Full PDB file with SEQRES, HELIX, SHEET, SSBOND, CRYST1, ORIGX, SCALE, CONECT and MASTER records, all heavy atoms in Angstrom:
SEQRES   1 A   33  GLY GLU SER TRP ILE GLN PRO ASP ASN ILE GLU VAL ASN          
SEQRES   2 A   33  GLY PRO TYR LYS LEU ALA TYR TRP ARG THR GLY ASP GLN          
SEQRES   3 A   33  LEU VAL SER GLU LYS ASN PRO                                  
HELIX    1 AA1 GLU A    2  ILE A    5  5                                   4    
SHEET    1 AA1 2 TYR A  16  ARG A  22  0                                        
SHEET    2 AA1 2 GLN A  26  LYS A  31 -1                                        
CRYST1    1.000    1.000    1.000  90.00  90.00  90.00 P 1           1          
ORIGX1      1.000000  0.000000  0.000000        0.00000                         
ORIGX2      0.000000  1.000000  0.000000        0.00000                         
ORIGX3      0.000000  0.000000  1.000000        0.00000                         
SCALE1      1.000000  0.000000  0.000000        0.00000                         
SCALE2      0.000000  1.000000  0.000000        0.00000                         
SCALE3      0.000000  0.000000  1.000000        0.00000                         
ATOM      1  N   GLY A   1       0.824  -1.168   0.021  1.00  0.00           N  
ATOM      2  CA  GLY A   1      -0.004  -0.073   0.038  1.00  0.00           C  
ATOM      3  C   GLY A   1       0.870   1.305   0.037  1.00  0.00           C  
ATOM      4  O   GLY A   1       1.878   1.307  -0.733  1.00  0.00           O  
ATOM      5  N   GLU A   2       0.382   2.273   0.777  1.00  0.00           N  
ATOM      6  CA  GLU A   2       1.096   3.584   0.740  1.00  0.00           C  
ATOM      7  C   GLU A   2       2.582   3.384   1.273  1.00  0.00           C  
ATOM      8  O   GLU A   2       3.514   4.284   0.902  1.00  0.00           O  
ATOM      9  CB  GLU A   2       0.372   4.494   1.621  1.00  0.00           C  
ATOM     10  CG  GLU A   2      -1.004   5.022   0.996  1.00  0.00           C  
ATOM     11  CD  GLU A   2      -1.717   6.126   1.808  1.00  0.00           C  
ATOM     12  OE1 GLU A   2      -0.808   6.744   2.585  1.00  0.00           O  
ATOM     13  OE2 GLU A   2      -2.768   6.249   1.580  1.00  0.00           O  
ATOM     14  N   SER A   3       2.856   2.403   1.962  1.00  0.00           N  
ATOM     15  CA  SER A   3       4.287   2.211   2.584  1.00  0.00           C  
ATOM     16  C   SER A   3       5.163   1.613   1.514  1.00  0.00           C  
ATOM     17  O   SER A   3       6.281   1.293   1.989  1.00  0.00           O  
ATOM     18  CB  SER A   3       4.210   1.544   3.875  1.00  0.00           C  
ATOM     19  OG  SER A   3       3.750   0.190   3.746  1.00  0.00           O  
ATOM     20  N   TRP A   4       4.779   1.369   0.352  1.00  0.00           N  
ATOM     21  CA  TRP A   4       5.613   0.605  -0.584  1.00  0.00           C  
ATOM     22  C   TRP A   4       6.899   1.421  -0.801  1.00  0.00           C  
ATOM     23  O   TRP A   4       7.975   0.840  -1.209  1.00  0.00           O  
ATOM     24  CB  TRP A   4       4.910   0.412  -1.837  1.00  0.00           C  
ATOM     25  CG  TRP A   4       4.789   1.559  -2.783  1.00  0.00           C  
ATOM     26  CD1 TRP A   4       3.789   2.488  -2.940  1.00  0.00           C  
ATOM     27  CD2 TRP A   4       5.808   1.886  -3.935  1.00  0.00           C  
ATOM     28  NE1 TRP A   4       4.095   3.493  -3.909  1.00  0.00           N  
ATOM     29  CE2 TRP A   4       5.201   3.092  -4.590  1.00  0.00           C  
ATOM     30  CE3 TRP A   4       6.856   1.398  -4.432  1.00  0.00           C  
ATOM     31  CZ2 TRP A   4       5.816   3.712  -5.684  1.00  0.00           C  
ATOM     32  CZ3 TRP A   4       7.589   1.904  -5.518  1.00  0.00           C  
ATOM     33  CH2 TRP A   4       6.964   3.111  -6.161  1.00  0.00           C  
ATOM     34  N   ILE A   5       7.022   2.810  -0.603  1.00  0.00           N  
ATOM     35  CA  ILE A   5       8.103   3.503  -0.999  1.00  0.00           C  
ATOM     36  C   ILE A   5       9.080   3.609   0.158  1.00  0.00           C  
ATOM     37  O   ILE A   5      10.238   4.246   0.128  1.00  0.00           O  
ATOM     38  CB  ILE A   5       7.712   5.092  -1.312  1.00  0.00           C  
ATOM     39  CG1 ILE A   5       6.950   5.686  -0.094  1.00  0.00           C  
ATOM     40  CG2 ILE A   5       6.937   5.073  -2.625  1.00  0.00           C  
ATOM     41  CD1 ILE A   5       6.666   7.159  -0.309  1.00  0.00           C  
ATOM     42  N   GLN A   6       8.790   2.931   1.318  1.00  0.00           N  
ATOM     43  CA  GLN A   6       9.722   2.934   2.457  1.00  0.00           C  
ATOM     44  C   GLN A   6      10.969   2.024   2.122  1.00  0.00           C  
ATOM     45  O   GLN A   6      10.876   1.039   1.323  1.00  0.00           O  
ATOM     46  CB  GLN A   6       9.060   2.501   3.715  1.00  0.00           C  
ATOM     47  CG  GLN A   6       7.989   3.483   4.188  1.00  0.00           C  
ATOM     48  CD  GLN A   6       8.528   4.796   4.495  1.00  0.00           C  
ATOM     49  OE1 GLN A   6       9.609   4.864   5.075  1.00  0.00           O  
ATOM     50  NE2 GLN A   6       7.771   5.786   4.099  1.00  0.00           N  
ATOM     51  N   PRO A   7      12.163   2.328   2.794  1.00  0.00           N  
ATOM     52  CA  PRO A   7      13.344   1.567   2.360  1.00  0.00           C  
ATOM     53  C   PRO A   7      13.225   0.033   2.517  1.00  0.00           C  
ATOM     54  O   PRO A   7      13.725  -0.708   1.748  1.00  0.00           O  
ATOM     55  CB  PRO A   7      14.327   2.085   3.350  1.00  0.00           C  
ATOM     56  CG  PRO A   7      13.988   3.542   3.626  1.00  0.00           C  
ATOM     57  CD  PRO A   7      12.406   3.513   3.597  1.00  0.00           C  
ATOM     58  N   ASP A   8      12.433  -0.455   3.566  1.00  0.00           N  
ATOM     59  CA  ASP A   8      12.190  -1.868   3.783  1.00  0.00           C  
ATOM     60  C   ASP A   8      11.457  -2.577   2.610  1.00  0.00           C  
ATOM     61  O   ASP A   8      11.583  -3.725   2.504  1.00  0.00           O  
ATOM     62  CB  ASP A   8      11.505  -2.165   5.092  1.00  0.00           C  
ATOM     63  CG  ASP A   8      12.451  -1.796   6.299  1.00  0.00           C  
ATOM     64  OD1 ASP A   8      13.584  -1.664   6.097  1.00  0.00           O  
ATOM     65  OD2 ASP A   8      11.900  -1.958   7.391  1.00  0.00           O  
ATOM     66  N   ASN A   9      10.646  -1.742   1.937  1.00  0.00           N  
ATOM     67  CA  ASN A   9       9.734  -2.374   0.967  1.00  0.00           C  
ATOM     68  C   ASN A   9       9.951  -2.009  -0.437  1.00  0.00           C  
ATOM     69  O   ASN A   9       9.641  -2.966  -1.250  1.00  0.00           O  
ATOM     70  CB  ASN A   9       8.401  -1.873   1.266  1.00  0.00           C  
ATOM     71  CG  ASN A   9       7.890  -2.068   2.747  1.00  0.00           C  
ATOM     72  OD1 ASN A   9       8.318  -3.028   3.371  1.00  0.00           O  
ATOM     73  ND2 ASN A   9       7.063  -1.183   3.263  1.00  0.00           N  
ATOM     74  N   ILE A  10      10.595  -0.991  -0.841  1.00  0.00           N  
ATOM     75  CA  ILE A  10      10.575  -0.418  -2.272  1.00  0.00           C  
ATOM     76  C   ILE A  10      11.339  -1.321  -3.121  1.00  0.00           C  
ATOM     77  O   ILE A  10      12.378  -1.909  -2.694  1.00  0.00           O  
ATOM     78  CB  ILE A  10      11.100   0.977  -2.185  1.00  0.00           C  
ATOM     79  CG1 ILE A  10      10.924   1.671  -3.538  1.00  0.00           C  
ATOM     80  CG2 ILE A  10      12.555   0.948  -1.798  1.00  0.00           C  
ATOM     81  CD1 ILE A  10      11.217   3.189  -3.539  1.00  0.00           C  
ATOM     82  N   GLU A  11      10.774  -1.466  -4.306  1.00  0.00           N  
ATOM     83  CA  GLU A  11      11.532  -2.089  -5.485  1.00  0.00           C  
ATOM     84  C   GLU A  11      11.555  -1.068  -6.544  1.00  0.00           C  
ATOM     85  O   GLU A  11      10.458  -0.383  -6.802  1.00  0.00           O  
ATOM     86  CB  GLU A  11      10.952  -3.356  -5.727  1.00  0.00           C  
ATOM     87  CG  GLU A  11      11.052  -4.490  -4.732  1.00  0.00           C  
ATOM     88  CD  GLU A  11      12.394  -4.853  -4.228  1.00  0.00           C  
ATOM     89  OE1 GLU A  11      13.349  -4.504  -4.853  1.00  0.00           O  
ATOM     90  OE2 GLU A  11      12.466  -5.479  -3.171  1.00  0.00           O  
ATOM     91  N   VAL A  12      12.559  -0.950  -7.305  1.00  0.00           N  
ATOM     92  CA  VAL A  12      12.728   0.054  -8.340  1.00  0.00           C  
ATOM     93  C   VAL A  12      13.270  -0.636  -9.677  1.00  0.00           C  
ATOM     94  O   VAL A  12      13.805  -1.744  -9.636  1.00  0.00           O  
ATOM     95  CB  VAL A  12      13.551   1.191  -7.958  1.00  0.00           C  
ATOM     96  CG1 VAL A  12      13.091   1.844  -6.750  1.00  0.00           C  
ATOM     97  CG2 VAL A  12      14.967   0.649  -7.686  1.00  0.00           C  
ATOM     98  N   ASN A  13      13.191   0.128 -10.795  1.00  0.00           N  
ATOM     99  CA  ASN A  13      13.771  -0.370 -12.005  1.00  0.00           C  
ATOM    100  C   ASN A  13      14.998   0.446 -12.539  1.00  0.00           C  
ATOM    101  O   ASN A  13      15.551   0.174 -13.641  1.00  0.00           O  
ATOM    102  CB  ASN A  13      12.687  -0.588 -13.140  1.00  0.00           C  
ATOM    103  CG  ASN A  13      12.382   0.690 -13.605  1.00  0.00           C  
ATOM    104  OD1 ASN A  13      12.315   1.763 -12.909  1.00  0.00           O  
ATOM    105  ND2 ASN A  13      11.846   0.795 -14.993  1.00  0.00           N  
ATOM    106  N   GLY A  14      15.413   1.521 -11.760  1.00  0.00           N  
ATOM    107  CA  GLY A  14      16.273   2.434 -12.101  1.00  0.00           C  
ATOM    108  C   GLY A  14      17.729   2.192 -11.435  1.00  0.00           C  
ATOM    109  O   GLY A  14      17.912   1.175 -10.876  1.00  0.00           O  
ATOM    110  N   PRO A  15      18.691   3.123 -11.671  1.00  0.00           N  
ATOM    111  CA  PRO A  15      19.961   2.880 -11.205  1.00  0.00           C  
ATOM    112  C   PRO A  15      20.183   2.863  -9.697  1.00  0.00           C  
ATOM    113  O   PRO A  15      21.197   2.271  -9.272  1.00  0.00           O  
ATOM    114  CB  PRO A  15      20.696   4.035 -11.843  1.00  0.00           C  
ATOM    115  CG  PRO A  15      19.705   5.124 -12.096  1.00  0.00           C  
ATOM    116  CD  PRO A  15      18.471   4.434 -12.428  1.00  0.00           C  
ATOM    117  N   TYR A  16      19.282   3.534  -8.917  1.00  0.00           N  
ATOM    118  CA  TYR A  16      19.450   3.639  -7.538  1.00  0.00           C  
ATOM    119  C   TYR A  16      18.260   3.163  -6.773  1.00  0.00           C  
ATOM    120  O   TYR A  16      17.104   3.393  -7.211  1.00  0.00           O  
ATOM    121  CB  TYR A  16      19.976   5.056  -7.020  1.00  0.00           C  
ATOM    122  CG  TYR A  16      21.315   5.396  -7.545  1.00  0.00           C  
ATOM    123  CD1 TYR A  16      21.456   6.173  -8.723  1.00  0.00           C  
ATOM    124  CD2 TYR A  16      22.465   4.907  -6.960  1.00  0.00           C  
ATOM    125  CE1 TYR A  16      22.731   6.448  -9.209  1.00  0.00           C  
ATOM    126  CE2 TYR A  16      23.687   5.124  -7.399  1.00  0.00           C  
ATOM    127  CZ  TYR A  16      23.859   5.953  -8.425  1.00  0.00           C  
ATOM    128  OH  TYR A  16      25.207   6.246  -8.887  1.00  0.00           O  
ATOM    129  N   LYS A  17      18.424   2.580  -5.525  1.00  0.00           N  
ATOM    130  CA  LYS A  17      17.268   2.097  -4.748  1.00  0.00           C  
ATOM    131  C   LYS A  17      17.435   2.695  -3.377  1.00  0.00           C  
ATOM    132  O   LYS A  17      18.509   2.652  -2.722  1.00  0.00           O  
ATOM    133  CB  LYS A  17      17.265   0.630  -4.740  1.00  0.00           C  
ATOM    134  CG  LYS A  17      16.209  -0.042  -3.878  1.00  0.00           C  
ATOM    135  CD  LYS A  17      16.327  -1.533  -3.813  1.00  0.00           C  
ATOM    136  CE  LYS A  17      15.476  -2.149  -2.813  1.00  0.00           C  
ATOM    137  NZ  LYS A  17      15.464  -3.671  -2.754  1.00  0.00           N  
ATOM    138  N   LEU A  18      16.380   3.207  -2.803  1.00  0.00           N  
ATOM    139  CA  LEU A  18      16.359   3.866  -1.606  1.00  0.00           C  
ATOM    140  C   LEU A  18      16.754   2.862  -0.443  1.00  0.00           C  
ATOM    141  O   LEU A  18      16.203   1.766  -0.289  1.00  0.00           O  
ATOM    142  CB  LEU A  18      14.829   4.436  -1.288  1.00  0.00           C  
ATOM    143  CG  LEU A  18      14.755   5.164   0.089  1.00  0.00           C  
ATOM    144  CD1 LEU A  18      15.500   6.489  -0.096  1.00  0.00           C  
ATOM    145  CD2 LEU A  18      13.344   5.454   0.313  1.00  0.00           C  
ATOM    146  N   ALA A  19      17.719   3.248   0.359  1.00  0.00           N  
ATOM    147  CA  ALA A  19      18.182   2.409   1.452  1.00  0.00           C  
ATOM    148  C   ALA A  19      17.977   3.053   2.870  1.00  0.00           C  
ATOM    149  O   ALA A  19      17.966   2.246   3.910  1.00  0.00           O  
ATOM    150  CB  ALA A  19      19.720   2.167   1.322  1.00  0.00           C  
ATOM    151  N   TYR A  20      17.714   4.423   2.869  1.00  0.00           N  
ATOM    152  CA  TYR A  20      17.821   5.004   4.167  1.00  0.00           C  
ATOM    153  C   TYR A  20      17.051   6.355   3.968  1.00  0.00           C  
ATOM    154  O   TYR A  20      17.086   7.070   2.930  1.00  0.00           O  
ATOM    155  CB  TYR A  20      19.198   5.364   4.734  1.00  0.00           C  
ATOM    156  CG  TYR A  20      19.129   6.200   5.945  1.00  0.00           C  
ATOM    157  CD1 TYR A  20      18.974   5.587   7.216  1.00  0.00           C  
ATOM    158  CD2 TYR A  20      19.496   7.494   5.955  1.00  0.00           C  
ATOM    159  CE1 TYR A  20      18.963   6.390   8.448  1.00  0.00           C  
ATOM    160  CE2 TYR A  20      19.574   8.317   7.131  1.00  0.00           C  
ATOM    161  CZ  TYR A  20      19.306   7.621   8.289  1.00  0.00           C  
ATOM    162  OH  TYR A  20      19.421   8.511   9.391  1.00  0.00           O  
ATOM    163  N   TRP A  21      16.102   6.770   4.991  1.00  0.00           N  
ATOM    164  CA  TRP A  21      15.361   8.023   4.855  1.00  0.00           C  
ATOM    165  C   TRP A  21      15.083   8.498   6.309  1.00  0.00           C  
ATOM    166  O   TRP A  21      14.279   7.767   7.021  1.00  0.00           O  
ATOM    167  CB  TRP A  21      14.100   7.626   4.062  1.00  0.00           C  
ATOM    168  CG  TRP A  21      13.131   8.833   3.859  1.00  0.00           C  
ATOM    169  CD1 TRP A  21      13.407  10.207   4.284  1.00  0.00           C  
ATOM    170  CD2 TRP A  21      11.896   8.775   3.119  1.00  0.00           C  
ATOM    171  NE1 TRP A  21      12.208  10.910   3.774  1.00  0.00           N  
ATOM    172  CE2 TRP A  21      11.405  10.170   3.207  1.00  0.00           C  
ATOM    173  CE3 TRP A  21      11.204   7.837   2.444  1.00  0.00           C  
ATOM    174  CZ2 TRP A  21      10.128  10.446   2.492  1.00  0.00           C  
ATOM    175  CZ3 TRP A  21      10.007   8.110   1.753  1.00  0.00           C  
ATOM    176  CH2 TRP A  21       9.475   9.538   1.843  1.00  0.00           C  
ATOM    177  N   ARG A  22      15.617   9.581   6.558  1.00  0.00           N  
ATOM    178  CA  ARG A  22      15.328  10.213   7.878  1.00  0.00           C  
ATOM    179  C   ARG A  22      14.798  11.629   7.568  1.00  0.00           C  
ATOM    180  O   ARG A  22      15.637  12.501   7.176  1.00  0.00           O  
ATOM    181  CB  ARG A  22      16.584  10.231   8.757  1.00  0.00           C  
ATOM    182  CG  ARG A  22      16.261  10.784  10.173  1.00  0.00           C  
ATOM    183  CD  ARG A  22      17.368  10.641  11.109  1.00  0.00           C  
ATOM    184  NE  ARG A  22      18.571  11.411  10.716  1.00  0.00           N  
ATOM    185  CZ  ARG A  22      19.843  11.216  11.274  1.00  0.00           C  
ATOM    186  NH1 ARG A  22      20.046  10.161  12.214  1.00  0.00           N  
ATOM    187  NH2 ARG A  22      20.859  11.832  10.968  1.00  0.00           N  
ATOM    188  N   THR A  23      13.495  11.765   7.837  1.00  0.00           N  
ATOM    189  CA  THR A  23      12.817  13.061   7.388  1.00  0.00           C  
ATOM    190  C   THR A  23      13.547  14.334   8.102  1.00  0.00           C  
ATOM    191  O   THR A  23      13.827  14.256   9.313  1.00  0.00           O  
ATOM    192  CB  THR A  23      11.280  12.999   7.697  1.00  0.00           C  
ATOM    193  OG1 THR A  23      10.783  11.819   7.041  1.00  0.00           O  
ATOM    194  CG2 THR A  23      10.708  14.227   7.400  1.00  0.00           C  
ATOM    195  N   GLY A  24      13.715  15.365   7.312  1.00  0.00           N  
ATOM    196  CA  GLY A  24      14.258  16.538   7.838  1.00  0.00           C  
ATOM    197  C   GLY A  24      15.804  16.519   7.799  1.00  0.00           C  
ATOM    198  O   GLY A  24      16.488  17.528   8.182  1.00  0.00           O  
ATOM    199  N   ASP A  25      16.414  15.360   7.318  1.00  0.00           N  
ATOM    200  CA  ASP A  25      17.859  15.119   7.429  1.00  0.00           C  
ATOM    201  C   ASP A  25      18.370  14.757   6.010  1.00  0.00           C  
ATOM    202  O   ASP A  25      18.871  15.629   5.297  1.00  0.00           O  
ATOM    203  CB  ASP A  25      18.242  14.235   8.494  1.00  0.00           C  
ATOM    204  CG  ASP A  25      19.794  14.038   8.538  1.00  0.00           C  
ATOM    205  OD1 ASP A  25      20.452  14.927   8.136  1.00  0.00           O  
ATOM    206  OD2 ASP A  25      20.181  12.967   9.188  1.00  0.00           O  
ATOM    207  N   GLN A  26      18.270  13.470   5.773  1.00  0.00           N  
ATOM    208  CA  GLN A  26      18.833  13.033   4.460  1.00  0.00           C  
ATOM    209  C   GLN A  26      18.228  11.735   4.123  1.00  0.00           C  
ATOM    210  O   GLN A  26      17.492  10.977   4.849  1.00  0.00           O  
ATOM    211  CB  GLN A  26      20.287  12.813   4.663  1.00  0.00           C  
ATOM    212  CG  GLN A  26      20.716  11.758   5.819  1.00  0.00           C  
ATOM    213  CD  GLN A  26      22.162  11.655   6.038  1.00  0.00           C  
ATOM    214  OE1 GLN A  26      22.886  10.968   5.408  1.00  0.00           O  
ATOM    215  NE2 GLN A  26      22.635  12.439   7.002  1.00  0.00           N  
ATOM    216  N   LEU A  27      18.366  11.433   2.789  1.00  0.00           N  
ATOM    217  CA  LEU A  27      17.937  10.041   2.255  1.00  0.00           C  
ATOM    218  C   LEU A  27      19.291   9.511   1.514  1.00  0.00           C  
ATOM    219  O   LEU A  27      20.159  10.301   1.077  1.00  0.00           O  
ATOM    220  CB  LEU A  27      16.875  10.295   1.156  1.00  0.00           C  
ATOM    221  CG  LEU A  27      15.545  10.934   1.610  1.00  0.00           C  
ATOM    222  CD1 LEU A  27      15.663  12.443   1.346  1.00  0.00           C  
ATOM    223  CD2 LEU A  27      14.323  10.418   0.794  1.00  0.00           C  
ATOM    224  N   VAL A  28      19.343   8.218   1.547  1.00  0.00           N  
ATOM    225  CA  VAL A  28      20.487   7.506   0.869  1.00  0.00           C  
ATOM    226  C   VAL A  28      19.912   6.399  -0.100  1.00  0.00           C  
ATOM    227  O   VAL A  28      19.130   5.624   0.283  1.00  0.00           O  
ATOM    228  CB  VAL A  28      21.358   6.977   1.906  1.00  0.00           C  
ATOM    229  CG1 VAL A  28      22.568   6.181   1.108  1.00  0.00           C  
ATOM    230  CG2 VAL A  28      21.874   7.984   2.864  1.00  0.00           C  
ATOM    231  N   SER A  29      20.394   6.477  -1.329  1.00  0.00           N  
ATOM    232  CA  SER A  29      20.090   5.346  -2.261  1.00  0.00           C  
ATOM    233  C   SER A  29      21.393   4.584  -2.623  1.00  0.00           C  
ATOM    234  O   SER A  29      22.435   5.173  -2.667  1.00  0.00           O  
ATOM    235  CB  SER A  29      19.438   5.935  -3.590  1.00  0.00           C  
ATOM    236  OG  SER A  29      18.195   6.489  -3.295  1.00  0.00           O  
ATOM    237  N   GLU A  30      21.111   3.255  -2.735  1.00  0.00           N  
ATOM    238  CA  GLU A  30      22.289   2.308  -3.107  1.00  0.00           C  
ATOM    239  C   GLU A  30      22.166   2.094  -4.645  1.00  0.00           C  
ATOM    240  O   GLU A  30      21.051   1.932  -5.179  1.00  0.00           O  
ATOM    241  CB  GLU A  30      22.088   1.052  -2.281  1.00  0.00           C  
ATOM    242  CG  GLU A  30      22.319   1.378  -0.826  1.00  0.00           C  
ATOM    243  CD  GLU A  30      23.787   1.050  -0.388  1.00  0.00           C  
ATOM    244  OE1 GLU A  30      24.479   0.514  -1.231  1.00  0.00           O  
ATOM    245  OE2 GLU A  30      24.103   1.296   0.765  1.00  0.00           O  
ATOM    246  N   LYS A  31      23.292   1.764  -5.167  1.00  0.00           N  
ATOM    247  CA  LYS A  31      23.261   1.264  -6.565  1.00  0.00           C  
ATOM    248  C   LYS A  31      22.373   0.031  -6.652  1.00  0.00           C  
ATOM    249  O   LYS A  31      22.598  -0.923  -5.936  1.00  0.00           O  
ATOM    250  CB  LYS A  31      24.628   1.149  -7.108  1.00  0.00           C  
ATOM    251  CG  LYS A  31      24.785   0.696  -8.469  1.00  0.00           C  
ATOM    252  CD  LYS A  31      26.386   0.677  -8.787  1.00  0.00           C  
ATOM    253  CE  LYS A  31      26.501   0.149 -10.373  1.00  0.00           C  
ATOM    254  NZ  LYS A  31      27.973   0.018 -10.787  1.00  0.00           N  
ATOM    255  N   ASN A  32      21.664  -0.131  -7.791  1.00  0.00           N  
ATOM    256  CA  ASN A  32      20.800  -1.231  -8.080  1.00  0.00           C  
ATOM    257  C   ASN A  32      21.470  -2.137  -9.013  1.00  0.00           C  
ATOM    258  O   ASN A  32      21.627  -1.794 -10.289  1.00  0.00           O  
ATOM    259  CB  ASN A  32      19.331  -0.797  -8.665  1.00  0.00           C  
ATOM    260  CG  ASN A  32      18.587  -1.923  -9.109  1.00  0.00           C  
ATOM    261  OD1 ASN A  32      18.801  -2.991  -8.909  1.00  0.00           O  
ATOM    262  ND2 ASN A  32      17.691  -1.630 -10.072  1.00  0.00           N  
ATOM    263  N   PRO A  33      21.981  -3.237  -8.649  1.00  0.00           N  
ATOM    264  CA  PRO A  33      22.874  -4.048  -9.433  1.00  0.00           C  
ATOM    265  C   PRO A  33      22.057  -4.716 -10.658  1.00  0.00           C  
ATOM    266  O   PRO A  33      22.530  -5.135 -11.602  1.00  0.00           O  
ATOM    267  CB  PRO A  33      23.362  -5.315  -8.556  1.00  0.00           C  
ATOM    268  CG  PRO A  33      22.405  -5.354  -7.472  1.00  0.00           C  
ATOM    269  CD  PRO A  33      21.983  -3.870  -7.256  1.00  0.00           C  
TER     270      PRO A  33                                                      
MASTER        0    0    0    1    2    0    0    6  269    1    0    3          
END                                                                             
């Protein structure tokens, strides 16, 4: 559902995938092999 974009759940088809998200601070994406 709406939480599909959270780091624990998300799947992507692009070069980077979300690994960390702390609101008001930073987000980190990892290379998608």
